[in-house]
Amino acid sequence: ERKVLGYSQSRKGPNKVGVIGLLQSFADLLKLVIKFKCFYFQSRSYVGLFGVVLLMALVIVYSFIYGSYYSASYSGLSVLWFLAAASTSSYSLLCTGWGGYNNYSFLSSVRCAFGSVSFEACFMCVVIFCALCSCSYNLIDFYYNCWLSLLLFPLIYVLFLICILCETNRTPFDYGEAESELVSGFNVEYSGIYFTCLFACEYIIIYVFSWLGVVLMFGGGFIGMLVLVFNLLFFMWARATLPRVRYDCF
């Protein structure tokens, strides 16, 4: 993503670590993991730590759903399991910001929670509409009956992209992390391994949501892989191009 953002701004971006700088993010990850932290100097409340743990548990559930899709054992209600897990994302963000001893992080968590709840209903309606078109809540069945939802409602893919932009708190709906207003958002007081977990979980959720849209509307195969790459590039393009939506006009 940093390379794509660099080329979008007519610069090279990171180009020192690894091949054409692609390992720069991995080097930053290792630096954050091994940072020394004094607990009494930068103490966190148990509410904030619970929010980080809850977000990590949510990502683990997503990973189980993603991994079991390519395995022999899979649940017939996998779509409902995914929606149940997605409904807890606002709680993790709210606990993460509320647990910090900072007004900026608290305001950011409230903004993120309101945005997630607002767009979560629309996101669930899109997913359930695709499930009704396929007459199944099993993700395996979407491999064969995925095109019906696009034929009935062609704009559902655009609506899904807008919903996942807000669900993942990305541009132009990143008002929870507006650095001009809230410094850095709900993770302003986190460092080291806690910030690494928040940062990594965000990108894992972006990948899983993009993969879910591909499975629901395009199925698997070669076309699904191309659409998945397009979805990931769409997130990068939106961050590099679109302006942030003002929260008071949202």
Protein backbone atom coordinates (compact mmCIF):
# COMPACT_ATOMS: atom_id res chain seq x y z
CA GLU A 1 0.00 0.00 0.00
CA ARG A 2 2.84 2.41 0.77
CA LYS A 3 4.33 1.81 -2.68
CA VAL A 4 0.98 2.43 -4.39
CA LEU A 5 0.45 5.61 -2.37
CA GLY A 6 3.96 6.75 -3.27
CA TYR A 7 3.44 6.25 -7.01
CA SER A 8 0.04 7.98 -6.80
CA GLN A 9 1.84 11.05 -5.41
CA SER A 10 4.61 10.98 -8.05
CA ARG A 11 7.27 9.57 -5.72
CA LYS A 12 8.87 6.17 -5.22
CA GLY A 13 7.93 5.52 -1.62
CA PRO A 14 10.09 3.15 0.49
CA ASN A 15 12.86 1.66 -1.67
CA LYS A 16 15.63 0.56 0.70
CA VAL A 17 14.48 -2.50 2.65
CA GLY A 18 14.05 -5.64 0.55
CA VAL A 19 13.21 -5.74 -3.14
CA ILE A 20 12.09 -2.22 -4.20
CA GLY A 21 11.24 -1.54 -0.56
CA LEU A 22 8.46 -4.12 -0.21
CA LEU A 23 9.81 -5.35 3.15
CA GLN A 24 9.73 -1.92 4.79
CA SER A 25 6.41 -2.61 6.52
CA PHE A 26 7.74 -5.93 7.82
CA ALA A 27 10.79 -4.14 9.24
CA ASP A 28 8.53 -1.60 10.95
CA LEU A 29 6.48 -4.46 12.36
CA LEU A 30 9.56 -6.07 13.92
CA LYS A 31 10.64 -2.71 15.34
CA LEU A 32 7.26 -2.23 17.04
CA VAL A 33 7.21 -5.78 18.42
CA ILE A 34 10.63 -5.55 20.10
CA LYS A 35 10.13 -2.06 21.55
CA PHE A 36 10.65 -1.96 25.31
CA LYS A 37 7.68 -0.78 27.32
CA CYS A 38 7.53 0.19 30.97
CA PHE A 39 4.09 -0.76 32.26
CA TYR A 40 3.90 1.88 34.98
CA PHE A 41 5.05 4.64 32.64
CA GLN A 42 2.50 3.87 29.90
CA SER A 43 -0.20 1.99 31.74
CA ARG A 44 -3.45 1.06 30.06
CA SER A 45 -6.78 0.35 31.66
CA TYR A 46 -8.18 -3.15 31.47
CA VAL A 47 -11.00 -1.86 29.27
CA GLY A 48 -8.54 -0.81 26.58
CA LEU A 49 -6.65 -4.10 26.75
CA PHE A 50 -9.95 -5.96 26.54
CA GLY A 51 -10.75 -4.03 23.36
CA VAL A 52 -7.45 -5.08 21.78
CA VAL A 53 -8.00 -8.72 22.79
CA LEU A 54 -11.58 -8.61 21.49
CA LEU A 55 -10.39 -7.29 18.14
CA MET A 56 -7.77 -10.03 17.93
CA ALA A 57 -10.42 -12.66 18.76
CA LEU A 58 -12.62 -11.21 16.01
CA VAL A 59 -9.78 -11.54 13.50
CA ILE A 60 -9.17 -15.13 14.62
CA VAL A 61 -12.85 -15.93 13.95
CA TYR A 62 -12.54 -14.34 10.50
CA SER A 63 -9.43 -16.42 9.86
CA PHE A 64 -11.26 -19.61 10.83
CA ILE A 65 -14.09 -18.78 8.43
CA TYR A 66 -11.63 -17.96 5.66
CA GLY A 67 -9.54 -21.07 6.24
CA SER A 68 -12.46 -23.44 6.57
CA TYR A 69 -13.81 -22.25 3.21
CA TYR A 70 -10.91 -24.03 1.52
CA SER A 71 -11.14 -27.13 3.73
CA ALA A 72 -13.44 -30.15 3.67
CA SER A 73 -15.26 -29.29 6.92
CA TYR A 74 -17.52 -26.25 6.71
CA SER A 75 -20.67 -25.03 8.43
CA GLY A 76 -23.93 -24.67 6.58
CA LEU A 77 -24.57 -21.35 8.35
CA SER A 78 -21.18 -19.78 7.66
CA VAL A 79 -22.69 -16.52 6.41
CA LEU A 80 -24.61 -16.07 9.66
CA TRP A 81 -21.48 -16.83 11.67
CA PHE A 82 -19.67 -14.13 9.71
CA LEU A 83 -22.42 -11.58 10.38
CA ALA A 84 -22.45 -12.46 14.08
CA ALA A 85 -18.69 -11.90 14.27
CA ALA A 86 -18.88 -8.65 12.30
CA SER A 87 -21.44 -7.23 14.73
CA THR A 88 -18.85 -7.22 17.55
CA SER A 89 -16.37 -4.95 15.75
CA SER A 90 -17.94 -1.76 17.11
CA TYR A 91 -17.57 -3.05 20.70
CA SER A 92 -13.85 -3.65 20.25
CA LEU A 93 -13.27 -0.16 18.83
CA LEU A 94 -15.36 1.42 21.58
CA CYS A 95 -13.45 -0.40 24.34
CA THR A 96 -10.11 0.42 22.73
CA GLY A 97 -10.80 4.16 22.65
CA TRP A 98 -12.65 4.27 25.95
CA GLY A 99 -9.82 2.51 27.76
CA GLY A 100 -7.29 5.18 26.84
CA TYR A 101 -6.80 8.14 29.16
CA ASN A 102 -7.37 10.62 26.36
CA ASN A 103 -10.38 12.57 25.14
CA TYR A 104 -9.28 12.30 21.51
CA SER A 105 -9.27 8.49 21.60
CA PHE A 106 -12.69 8.44 23.26
CA LEU A 107 -14.23 10.74 20.64
CA SER A 108 -12.65 8.66 17.90
CA SER A 109 -14.04 5.41 19.29
CA VAL A 110 -17.53 6.94 19.51
CA ARG A 111 -17.29 8.08 15.89
CA CYS A 112 -16.11 4.65 14.73
CA ALA A 113 -18.85 2.90 16.67
CA PHE A 114 -21.57 5.16 15.24
CA GLY A 115 -20.26 4.65 11.71
CA SER A 116 -20.02 0.89 12.08
CA VAL A 117 -23.55 0.62 13.48
CA SER A 118 -24.95 2.89 10.75
CA PHE A 119 -23.44 0.98 7.84
CA GLU A 120 -23.64 -2.44 9.47
CA ALA A 121 -27.37 -2.68 8.76
CA CYS A 122 -26.81 -1.91 5.08
CA PHE A 123 -23.92 -4.38 4.94
CA MET A 124 -26.01 -7.14 6.49
CA CYS A 125 -28.86 -6.44 4.08
CA VAL A 126 -26.48 -6.85 1.13
CA VAL A 127 -25.10 -10.12 2.46
CA ILE A 128 -28.55 -11.54 3.26
CA PHE A 129 -29.83 -10.50 -0.18
CA CYS A 130 -27.00 -12.46 -1.80
CA ALA A 131 -27.79 -15.42 0.47
CA LEU A 132 -31.47 -15.32 -0.50
CA CYS A 133 -30.56 -15.25 -4.19
CA SER A 134 -28.39 -18.34 -3.70
CA CYS A 135 -30.97 -20.00 -1.40
CA SER A 136 -28.23 -20.92 1.06
CA TYR A 137 -26.20 -19.58 3.97
CA ASN A 138 -23.23 -21.76 3.07
CA LEU A 139 -20.34 -19.95 1.38
CA ILE A 140 -19.52 -23.07 -0.64
CA ASP A 141 -22.83 -22.78 -2.50
CA PHE A 142 -21.95 -19.28 -3.70
CA TYR A 143 -19.29 -20.82 -5.93
CA TYR A 144 -22.06 -21.99 -8.28
CA ASN A 145 -24.93 -19.53 -7.65
CA CYS A 146 -23.11 -16.24 -7.20
CA TRP A 147 -24.12 -14.30 -10.35
CA LEU A 148 -27.85 -14.16 -9.62
CA SER A 149 -27.58 -11.25 -7.17
CA LEU A 150 -25.62 -9.18 -9.71
CA LEU A 151 -28.19 -9.91 -12.42
CA LEU A 152 -31.11 -8.87 -10.20
CA PHE A 153 -29.42 -5.80 -8.71
CA PRO A 154 -26.27 -4.75 -10.61
CA LEU A 155 -25.44 -1.86 -8.24
CA ILE A 156 -25.18 -4.17 -5.24
CA TYR A 157 -21.43 -4.52 -5.78
CA VAL A 158 -20.93 -0.74 -5.57
CA LEU A 159 -23.09 -0.63 -2.45
CA PHE A 160 -21.02 -3.41 -0.91
CA LEU A 161 -17.77 -1.54 -1.59
CA ILE A 162 -19.13 1.59 0.12
CA CYS A 163 -20.27 -0.45 3.12
CA ILE A 164 -16.92 -2.16 3.63
CA LEU A 165 -15.12 1.18 3.34
CA CYS A 166 -17.07 2.39 6.37
CA GLU A 167 -16.90 -0.94 8.20
CA THR A 168 -13.11 -0.94 7.98
CA ASN A 169 -12.82 2.82 8.79
CA ARG A 170 -11.01 3.66 5.58
CA THR A 171 -10.95 6.80 3.45
CA PRO A 172 -13.27 8.65 2.85
CA PHE A 173 -15.02 7.36 6.01
CA ASP A 174 -11.97 7.44 8.31
CA TYR A 175 -13.39 10.22 10.47
CA GLY A 176 -12.45 8.12 13.49
CA GLU A 177 -8.76 8.54 12.61
CA ALA A 178 -8.88 12.12 11.36
CA GLU A 179 -5.38 13.31 12.22
CA SER A 180 -6.33 16.98 11.74
CA GLU A 181 -9.01 16.65 14.42
CA LEU A 182 -8.23 13.66 16.64
CA VAL A 183 -4.42 13.33 16.38
CA SER A 184 -4.37 9.63 15.47
CA GLY A 185 -7.76 8.32 16.47
CA PHE A 186 -8.55 5.59 18.95
CA ASN A 187 -4.98 4.19 18.89
CA VAL A 188 -3.28 7.46 19.84
CA GLU A 189 -2.02 6.11 23.20
CA TYR A 190 -1.01 2.63 22.04
CA SER A 191 2.52 1.63 21.16
CA GLY A 192 4.61 -1.48 20.76
CA ILE A 193 2.81 -4.77 20.49
CA TYR A 194 -0.64 -3.24 21.15
CA PHE A 195 -0.35 -0.81 18.25
CA THR A 196 0.99 -3.64 16.09
CA CYS A 197 -2.05 -5.78 16.87
CA LEU A 198 -4.45 -2.94 16.05
CA PHE A 199 -2.62 -2.13 12.83
CA ALA A 200 -2.34 -5.75 11.65
CA CYS A 201 -5.95 -6.59 12.54
CA GLU A 202 -7.16 -3.66 10.46
CA TYR A 203 -5.49 -4.97 7.31
CA ILE A 204 -6.58 -8.55 7.94
CA ILE A 205 -10.18 -7.35 8.23
CA ILE A 206 -9.80 -5.42 4.96
CA TYR A 207 -8.61 -8.55 3.17
CA VAL A 208 -11.35 -10.77 4.65
CA PHE A 209 -14.12 -8.33 3.76
CA SER A 210 -12.79 -8.00 0.22
CA TRP A 211 -12.66 -11.78 -0.07
CA LEU A 212 -16.24 -12.06 1.22
CA GLY A 213 -17.50 -9.72 -1.49
CA VAL A 214 -15.74 -11.79 -4.14
CA VAL A 215 -17.26 -15.05 -2.86
CA LEU A 216 -20.78 -13.63 -2.55
CA MET A 217 -20.96 -12.02 -5.99
CA PHE A 218 -18.32 -13.60 -8.22
CA GLY A 219 -17.59 -17.01 -6.72
CA GLY A 220 -14.14 -18.52 -6.93
CA GLY A 221 -11.84 -19.28 -9.81
CA PHE A 222 -9.73 -16.95 -11.89
CA ILE A 223 -12.36 -14.19 -12.12
CA GLY A 224 -12.69 -14.17 -8.35
CA MET A 225 -8.94 -13.71 -7.93
CA LEU A 226 -8.95 -10.77 -10.34
CA VAL A 227 -11.85 -9.11 -8.52
CA LEU A 228 -10.10 -9.67 -5.17
CA VAL A 229 -7.02 -7.85 -6.45
CA PHE A 230 -9.29 -5.06 -7.71
CA ASN A 231 -10.96 -4.78 -4.30
CA LEU A 232 -7.61 -4.41 -2.55
CA LEU A 233 -6.45 -1.83 -5.10
CA PHE A 234 -9.76 -0.02 -4.61
CA PHE A 235 -8.92 0.55 -0.94
CA MET A 236 -5.54 2.01 -1.90
CA TRP A 237 -7.03 4.17 -4.64
CA ALA A 238 -9.70 5.51 -2.29
CA ARG A 239 -7.08 6.46 0.29
CA ALA A 240 -4.91 8.20 -2.30
CA THR A 241 -7.69 10.05 -4.12
CA LEU A 242 -10.87 10.68 -2.16
CA PRO A 243 -11.15 13.44 0.47
CA ARG A 244 -12.35 12.66 3.95
CA VAL A 245 -16.06 13.09 4.69
CA ARG A 246 -16.75 15.69 7.36
CA TYR A 247 -18.33 14.12 10.38
CA ASP A 248 -20.88 16.89 10.86
CA CYS A 249 -22.01 16.45 7.22
CA PHE A 250 -22.08 12.65 7.40
